[in-house]
Amino acid sequence: MPILTGMPGQKLWVGSVYGLVRYKEKEEFYKKQMVEAGCEVGKEATSKDLVWIGMDANSVMNETLDMVMVGGDEKEKSIREKKLVKNGEPFRAWVDWMELQDVWRGRNVDKKGIPG
């Protein structure tokens, strides 16, 4: 349920999401459940409305700037980093589809950061 912002005709839609970790689950989650949720908001939200989604996506948005926190030897780290980048594909596709903006990255364009 949205809340009024004080601007005439504008509502704020707030959501919180915890992204799944495994790729197959994540693919289903973003391609089906999150698309359905986006469509539900889209049915009622207008172009004046704001949608704010806070999330721990367990995904990497920008593989050159976002750090991946993994343990193990260098070979194991490399394998796990590649998996995390691949795991981010459904999430990034959903972000593009929803036309979302990464507020943190927008303010920290070149800063290396931890994903999520």
N, C-alpha and C. Protein backbone atom coordinates (compact mmCIF):
# COMPACT_ATOMS: atom_id res chain seq x y z
N MET A 1 0.85 -1.18 0.00
CA MET A 1 0.00 0.00 0.00
C MET A 1 0.89 1.24 0.00
N PRO A 2 0.67 2.14 -0.93
CA PRO A 2 1.51 3.33 -1.01
C PRO A 2 1.14 4.37 0.05
N ILE A 3 2.06 5.30 0.27
CA ILE A 3 1.79 6.42 1.18
C ILE A 3 1.86 7.71 0.38
N LEU A 4 1.16 8.73 0.83
CA LEU A 4 1.17 10.03 0.15
C LEU A 4 2.46 10.77 0.48
N THR A 5 2.99 11.52 -0.48
CA THR A 5 4.25 12.22 -0.27
C THR A 5 4.08 13.68 0.12
N GLY A 6 2.90 14.22 -0.02
CA GLY A 6 2.69 15.65 0.22
C GLY A 6 2.63 16.43 -1.09
N MET A 7 3.12 15.83 -2.18
CA MET A 7 2.99 16.44 -3.51
C MET A 7 1.63 16.01 -4.06
N PRO A 8 0.86 16.93 -4.59
CA PRO A 8 -0.47 16.57 -5.10
C PRO A 8 -0.41 15.43 -6.13
N GLY A 9 -1.17 14.38 -5.86
CA GLY A 9 -1.27 13.26 -6.79
C GLY A 9 -0.09 12.30 -6.78
N GLN A 10 0.85 12.49 -5.87
CA GLN A 10 2.03 11.62 -5.84
C GLN A 10 2.00 10.68 -4.65
N LYS A 11 2.36 9.40 -4.89
CA LYS A 11 2.45 8.40 -3.84
C LYS A 11 3.86 7.83 -3.82
N LEU A 12 4.23 7.30 -2.67
CA LEU A 12 5.51 6.63 -2.51
C LEU A 12 5.25 5.15 -2.26
N TRP A 13 5.82 4.30 -3.10
CA TRP A 13 5.71 2.86 -2.97
C TRP A 13 7.03 2.38 -2.39
N VAL A 14 7.00 1.69 -1.26
CA VAL A 14 8.21 1.24 -0.58
C VAL A 14 8.23 -0.29 -0.54
N GLY A 15 9.37 -0.85 -0.89
CA GLY A 15 9.51 -2.30 -0.85
C GLY A 15 10.87 -2.69 -0.29
N SER A 16 10.94 -3.88 0.23
CA SER A 16 12.20 -4.42 0.75
C SER A 16 12.33 -5.84 0.23
N VAL A 17 13.48 -6.16 -0.34
CA VAL A 17 13.68 -7.46 -0.97
C VAL A 17 14.99 -8.06 -0.50
N TYR A 18 14.96 -9.35 -0.20
CA TYR A 18 16.18 -10.10 0.06
C TYR A 18 16.33 -11.10 -1.08
N GLY A 19 17.34 -10.89 -1.92
CA GLY A 19 17.54 -11.75 -3.08
C GLY A 19 18.07 -13.12 -2.71
N LEU A 20 17.65 -14.10 -3.45
CA LEU A 20 18.08 -15.47 -3.21
C LEU A 20 19.53 -15.66 -3.65
N VAL A 21 20.17 -16.71 -3.15
CA VAL A 21 21.59 -16.91 -3.40
C VAL A 21 21.85 -17.83 -4.59
N ARG A 22 21.15 -18.95 -4.72
CA ARG A 22 21.43 -19.92 -5.77
C ARG A 22 20.90 -19.43 -7.12
N TYR A 23 21.68 -19.68 -8.19
CA TYR A 23 21.35 -19.15 -9.51
C TYR A 23 19.98 -19.59 -10.00
N LYS A 24 19.67 -20.89 -9.95
CA LYS A 24 18.38 -21.36 -10.47
C LYS A 24 17.22 -20.72 -9.72
N GLU A 25 17.32 -20.62 -8.41
CA GLU A 25 16.27 -19.97 -7.62
C GLU A 25 16.21 -18.49 -7.96
N LYS A 26 17.37 -17.88 -8.11
CA LYS A 26 17.44 -16.45 -8.40
C LYS A 26 16.83 -16.14 -9.76
N GLU A 27 17.12 -17.00 -10.74
CA GLU A 27 16.57 -16.81 -12.08
C GLU A 27 15.04 -16.83 -12.03
N GLU A 28 14.47 -17.81 -11.36
CA GLU A 28 13.02 -17.92 -11.20
C GLU A 28 12.47 -16.73 -10.43
N PHE A 29 13.16 -16.35 -9.36
CA PHE A 29 12.73 -15.26 -8.49
C PHE A 29 12.61 -13.94 -9.27
N TYR A 30 13.66 -13.57 -10.02
CA TYR A 30 13.63 -12.29 -10.73
C TYR A 30 12.80 -12.34 -12.00
N LYS A 31 12.83 -13.46 -12.72
CA LYS A 31 12.10 -13.53 -13.98
C LYS A 31 10.60 -13.73 -13.78
N LYS A 32 10.19 -14.28 -12.65
CA LYS A 32 8.77 -14.52 -12.43
C LYS A 32 8.21 -13.69 -11.28
N GLN A 33 8.66 -13.97 -10.06
CA GLN A 33 8.06 -13.32 -8.90
C GLN A 33 8.27 -11.80 -8.89
N MET A 34 9.49 -11.35 -9.18
CA MET A 34 9.74 -9.91 -9.13
C MET A 34 9.12 -9.18 -10.32
N VAL A 35 8.99 -9.85 -11.46
CA VAL A 35 8.29 -9.25 -12.60
C VAL A 35 6.81 -9.10 -12.26
N GLU A 36 6.24 -10.14 -11.64
CA GLU A 36 4.83 -10.06 -11.22
C GLU A 36 4.63 -8.93 -10.22
N ALA A 37 5.55 -8.80 -9.26
CA ALA A 37 5.44 -7.72 -8.28
C ALA A 37 5.55 -6.36 -8.97
N GLY A 38 6.46 -6.24 -9.91
CA GLY A 38 6.61 -4.99 -10.67
C GLY A 38 5.36 -4.66 -11.46
N CYS A 39 4.73 -5.67 -12.03
CA CYS A 39 3.49 -5.46 -12.79
C CYS A 39 2.36 -5.02 -11.87
N GLU A 40 2.30 -5.58 -10.66
CA GLU A 40 1.27 -5.18 -9.71
C GLU A 40 1.41 -3.70 -9.34
N VAL A 41 2.62 -3.27 -9.06
CA VAL A 41 2.85 -1.85 -8.75
C VAL A 41 2.53 -1.02 -9.99
N GLY A 42 2.93 -1.50 -11.15
CA GLY A 42 2.69 -0.78 -12.40
C GLY A 42 1.22 -0.58 -12.72
N LYS A 43 0.37 -1.47 -12.25
CA LYS A 43 -1.07 -1.34 -12.49
C LYS A 43 -1.64 -0.13 -11.76
N GLU A 44 -1.07 0.20 -10.61
CA GLU A 44 -1.64 1.26 -9.79
C GLU A 44 -0.79 2.53 -9.72
N ALA A 45 0.51 2.39 -9.87
CA ALA A 45 1.39 3.55 -9.77
C ALA A 45 1.26 4.42 -11.02
N THR A 46 1.40 5.71 -10.84
CA THR A 46 1.37 6.62 -11.97
C THR A 46 2.79 7.14 -12.24
N SER A 47 2.96 7.89 -13.30
CA SER A 47 4.28 8.42 -13.63
C SER A 47 4.76 9.44 -12.60
N LYS A 48 3.85 9.98 -11.78
CA LYS A 48 4.23 10.92 -10.72
C LYS A 48 4.76 10.21 -9.49
N ASP A 49 4.39 8.94 -9.33
CA ASP A 49 4.74 8.21 -8.12
C ASP A 49 6.22 7.86 -8.04
N LEU A 50 6.68 7.64 -6.82
CA LEU A 50 8.04 7.20 -6.56
C LEU A 50 8.01 5.76 -6.07
N VAL A 51 8.95 4.96 -6.53
CA VAL A 51 9.06 3.58 -6.06
C VAL A 51 10.43 3.45 -5.43
N TRP A 52 10.46 3.06 -4.16
CA TRP A 52 11.72 2.94 -3.41
C TRP A 52 11.86 1.48 -2.99
N ILE A 53 12.89 0.83 -3.48
CA ILE A 53 13.11 -0.58 -3.14
C ILE A 53 14.47 -0.70 -2.48
N GLY A 54 14.47 -1.10 -1.22
CA GLY A 54 15.71 -1.40 -0.53
C GLY A 54 15.96 -2.89 -0.66
N MET A 55 17.19 -3.26 -1.02
CA MET A 55 17.40 -4.69 -1.19
C MET A 55 18.82 -5.15 -0.91
N ASP A 56 18.88 -6.39 -0.49
CA ASP A 56 20.12 -7.14 -0.43
C ASP A 56 19.96 -8.17 -1.54
N ALA A 57 20.49 -7.87 -2.71
CA ALA A 57 20.23 -8.68 -3.89
C ALA A 57 21.10 -9.92 -3.98
N ASN A 58 22.15 -10.00 -3.16
CA ASN A 58 23.10 -11.10 -3.28
C ASN A 58 23.57 -11.24 -4.72
N SER A 59 23.81 -10.09 -5.35
CA SER A 59 24.23 -10.03 -6.75
C SER A 59 25.22 -8.90 -6.94
N VAL A 60 25.93 -8.98 -8.03
CA VAL A 60 26.90 -7.94 -8.38
C VAL A 60 26.31 -7.10 -9.51
N MET A 61 26.14 -5.82 -9.27
CA MET A 61 25.61 -4.91 -10.30
C MET A 61 26.68 -4.55 -11.32
N ASN A 62 27.87 -4.24 -10.84
CA ASN A 62 28.96 -3.79 -11.71
C ASN A 62 30.19 -4.63 -11.38
N GLU A 63 30.50 -5.59 -12.25
CA GLU A 63 31.57 -6.53 -11.91
C GLU A 63 32.97 -5.91 -11.88
N THR A 64 33.14 -4.71 -12.40
CA THR A 64 34.46 -4.07 -12.33
C THR A 64 34.62 -3.23 -11.08
N LEU A 65 33.52 -2.78 -10.47
CA LEU A 65 33.61 -1.92 -9.30
C LEU A 65 33.14 -2.58 -8.01
N ASP A 66 32.17 -3.46 -8.09
CA ASP A 66 31.66 -4.10 -6.88
C ASP A 66 32.60 -5.21 -6.45
N MET A 67 32.90 -5.25 -5.16
CA MET A 67 33.78 -6.28 -4.62
C MET A 67 32.97 -7.50 -4.24
N VAL A 68 33.60 -8.63 -4.36
CA VAL A 68 32.97 -9.89 -3.98
C VAL A 68 33.70 -10.41 -2.76
N MET A 69 32.96 -10.63 -1.69
CA MET A 69 33.55 -11.10 -0.44
C MET A 69 33.50 -12.63 -0.41
N VAL A 70 34.60 -13.26 -0.81
CA VAL A 70 34.67 -14.72 -0.79
C VAL A 70 35.98 -15.15 -0.15
N GLY A 71 35.96 -16.32 0.48
CA GLY A 71 37.16 -16.86 1.11
C GLY A 71 37.76 -17.96 0.26
N GLY A 72 38.84 -18.55 0.76
CA GLY A 72 39.47 -19.66 0.07
C GLY A 72 40.73 -19.24 -0.66
N ASP A 73 41.33 -20.22 -1.37
CA ASP A 73 42.55 -19.91 -2.13
C ASP A 73 42.18 -19.13 -3.39
N GLU A 74 43.19 -18.72 -4.15
CA GLU A 74 42.95 -17.87 -5.33
C GLU A 74 42.09 -18.57 -6.39
N LYS A 75 42.31 -19.87 -6.61
CA LYS A 75 41.52 -20.61 -7.59
C LYS A 75 40.05 -20.66 -7.17
N GLU A 76 39.81 -20.96 -5.90
CA GLU A 76 38.44 -21.02 -5.38
C GLU A 76 37.78 -19.64 -5.46
N LYS A 77 38.51 -18.59 -5.10
CA LYS A 77 37.97 -17.23 -5.17
C LYS A 77 37.56 -16.89 -6.59
N SER A 78 38.42 -17.23 -7.57
CA SER A 78 38.13 -16.93 -8.97
C SER A 78 36.85 -17.63 -9.43
N ILE A 79 36.69 -18.90 -9.07
CA ILE A 79 35.49 -19.66 -9.45
C ILE A 79 34.26 -19.04 -8.81
N ARG A 80 34.33 -18.72 -7.52
CA ARG A 80 33.17 -18.15 -6.81
C ARG A 80 32.83 -16.75 -7.33
N GLU A 81 33.85 -15.95 -7.66
CA GLU A 81 33.60 -14.61 -8.21
C GLU A 81 32.85 -14.72 -9.54
N LYS A 82 33.28 -15.64 -10.41
CA LYS A 82 32.61 -15.81 -11.71
C LYS A 82 31.16 -16.23 -11.52
N LYS A 83 30.92 -17.13 -10.54
CA LYS A 83 29.54 -17.56 -10.25
C LYS A 83 28.70 -16.38 -9.78
N LEU A 84 29.26 -15.52 -8.93
CA LEU A 84 28.51 -14.37 -8.43
C LEU A 84 28.18 -13.39 -9.55
N VAL A 85 29.10 -13.21 -10.49
CA VAL A 85 28.82 -12.33 -11.63
C VAL A 85 27.70 -12.93 -12.46
N LYS A 86 27.77 -14.24 -12.75
CA LYS A 86 26.70 -14.91 -13.51
C LYS A 86 25.38 -14.84 -12.74
N ASN A 87 25.44 -15.05 -11.43
CA ASN A 87 24.23 -14.99 -10.61
C ASN A 87 23.55 -13.63 -10.67
N GLY A 88 24.30 -12.59 -10.99
CA GLY A 88 23.73 -11.25 -11.06
C GLY A 88 22.96 -10.97 -12.32
N GLU A 89 23.09 -11.84 -13.34
CA GLU A 89 22.42 -11.57 -14.62
C GLU A 89 20.91 -11.42 -14.51
N PRO A 90 20.18 -12.33 -13.84
CA PRO A 90 18.73 -12.14 -13.72
C PRO A 90 18.37 -10.86 -12.96
N PHE A 91 19.16 -10.55 -11.93
CA PHE A 91 18.92 -9.33 -11.16
C PHE A 91 19.11 -8.09 -12.03
N ARG A 92 20.21 -8.03 -12.77
CA ARG A 92 20.48 -6.86 -13.62
C ARG A 92 19.41 -6.71 -14.70
N ALA A 93 18.95 -7.83 -15.26
CA ALA A 93 17.88 -7.78 -16.28
C ALA A 93 16.60 -7.21 -15.67
N TRP A 94 16.29 -7.63 -14.43
CA TRP A 94 15.10 -7.12 -13.75
C TRP A 94 15.24 -5.63 -13.46
N VAL A 95 16.41 -5.19 -13.01
CA VAL A 95 16.65 -3.77 -12.74
C VAL A 95 16.43 -2.96 -14.01
N ASP A 96 16.95 -3.44 -15.14
CA ASP A 96 16.75 -2.75 -16.43
C ASP A 96 15.27 -2.72 -16.80
N TRP A 97 14.59 -3.87 -16.65
CA TRP A 97 13.18 -3.96 -17.01
C TRP A 97 12.34 -2.98 -16.18
N MET A 98 12.65 -2.88 -14.89
CA MET A 98 11.91 -1.98 -14.00
C MET A 98 12.35 -0.52 -14.15
N GLU A 99 13.45 -0.30 -14.90
CA GLU A 99 14.02 1.04 -15.07
C GLU A 99 14.38 1.65 -13.72
N LEU A 100 15.01 0.82 -12.87
CA LEU A 100 15.43 1.27 -11.55
C LEU A 100 16.78 1.98 -11.62
N GLN A 101 17.02 2.82 -10.64
CA GLN A 101 18.30 3.51 -10.53
C GLN A 101 18.99 3.08 -9.26
N ASP A 102 20.28 2.81 -9.36
CA ASP A 102 21.09 2.47 -8.19
C ASP A 102 21.55 3.79 -7.57
N VAL A 103 20.88 4.20 -6.51
CA VAL A 103 21.15 5.51 -5.89
C VAL A 103 22.58 5.58 -5.37
N TRP A 104 23.04 4.51 -4.69
CA TRP A 104 24.39 4.52 -4.15
C TRP A 104 25.41 4.67 -5.26
N ARG A 105 25.26 3.87 -6.35
CA ARG A 105 26.21 3.94 -7.46
C ARG A 105 26.13 5.31 -8.14
N GLY A 106 24.96 5.89 -8.21
CA GLY A 106 24.81 7.21 -8.80
C GLY A 106 25.60 8.27 -8.06
N ARG A 107 25.73 8.10 -6.75
CA ARG A 107 26.48 9.06 -5.92
C ARG A 107 27.94 8.68 -5.77
N ASN A 108 28.28 7.45 -6.08
CA ASN A 108 29.65 6.94 -5.93
C ASN A 108 30.06 6.25 -7.23
N VAL A 109 30.08 7.01 -8.30
CA VAL A 109 30.25 6.48 -9.65
C VAL A 109 31.49 5.60 -9.81
N ASP A 110 32.63 6.02 -9.31
CA ASP A 110 33.86 5.26 -9.52
C ASP A 110 34.38 4.56 -8.28
N LYS A 111 33.62 4.59 -7.19
CA LYS A 111 34.08 4.02 -5.94
C LYS A 111 33.86 2.52 -5.91
N LYS A 112 34.89 1.78 -5.50
CA LYS A 112 34.72 0.33 -5.36
C LYS A 112 33.88 0.09 -4.11
N GLY A 113 32.94 -0.84 -4.21
CA GLY A 113 32.05 -1.09 -3.07
C GLY A 113 31.66 -2.55 -2.98
N ILE A 114 31.11 -2.91 -1.86
CA ILE A 114 30.63 -4.27 -1.63
C ILE A 114 29.21 -4.37 -2.15
N PRO A 115 28.87 -5.39 -2.96
CA PRO A 115 27.51 -5.49 -3.50
C PRO A 115 26.47 -5.71 -2.42
N GLY A 116 25.23 -5.33 -2.77
CA GLY A 116 24.12 -5.53 -1.84
C GLY A 116 23.93 -4.34 -1.07
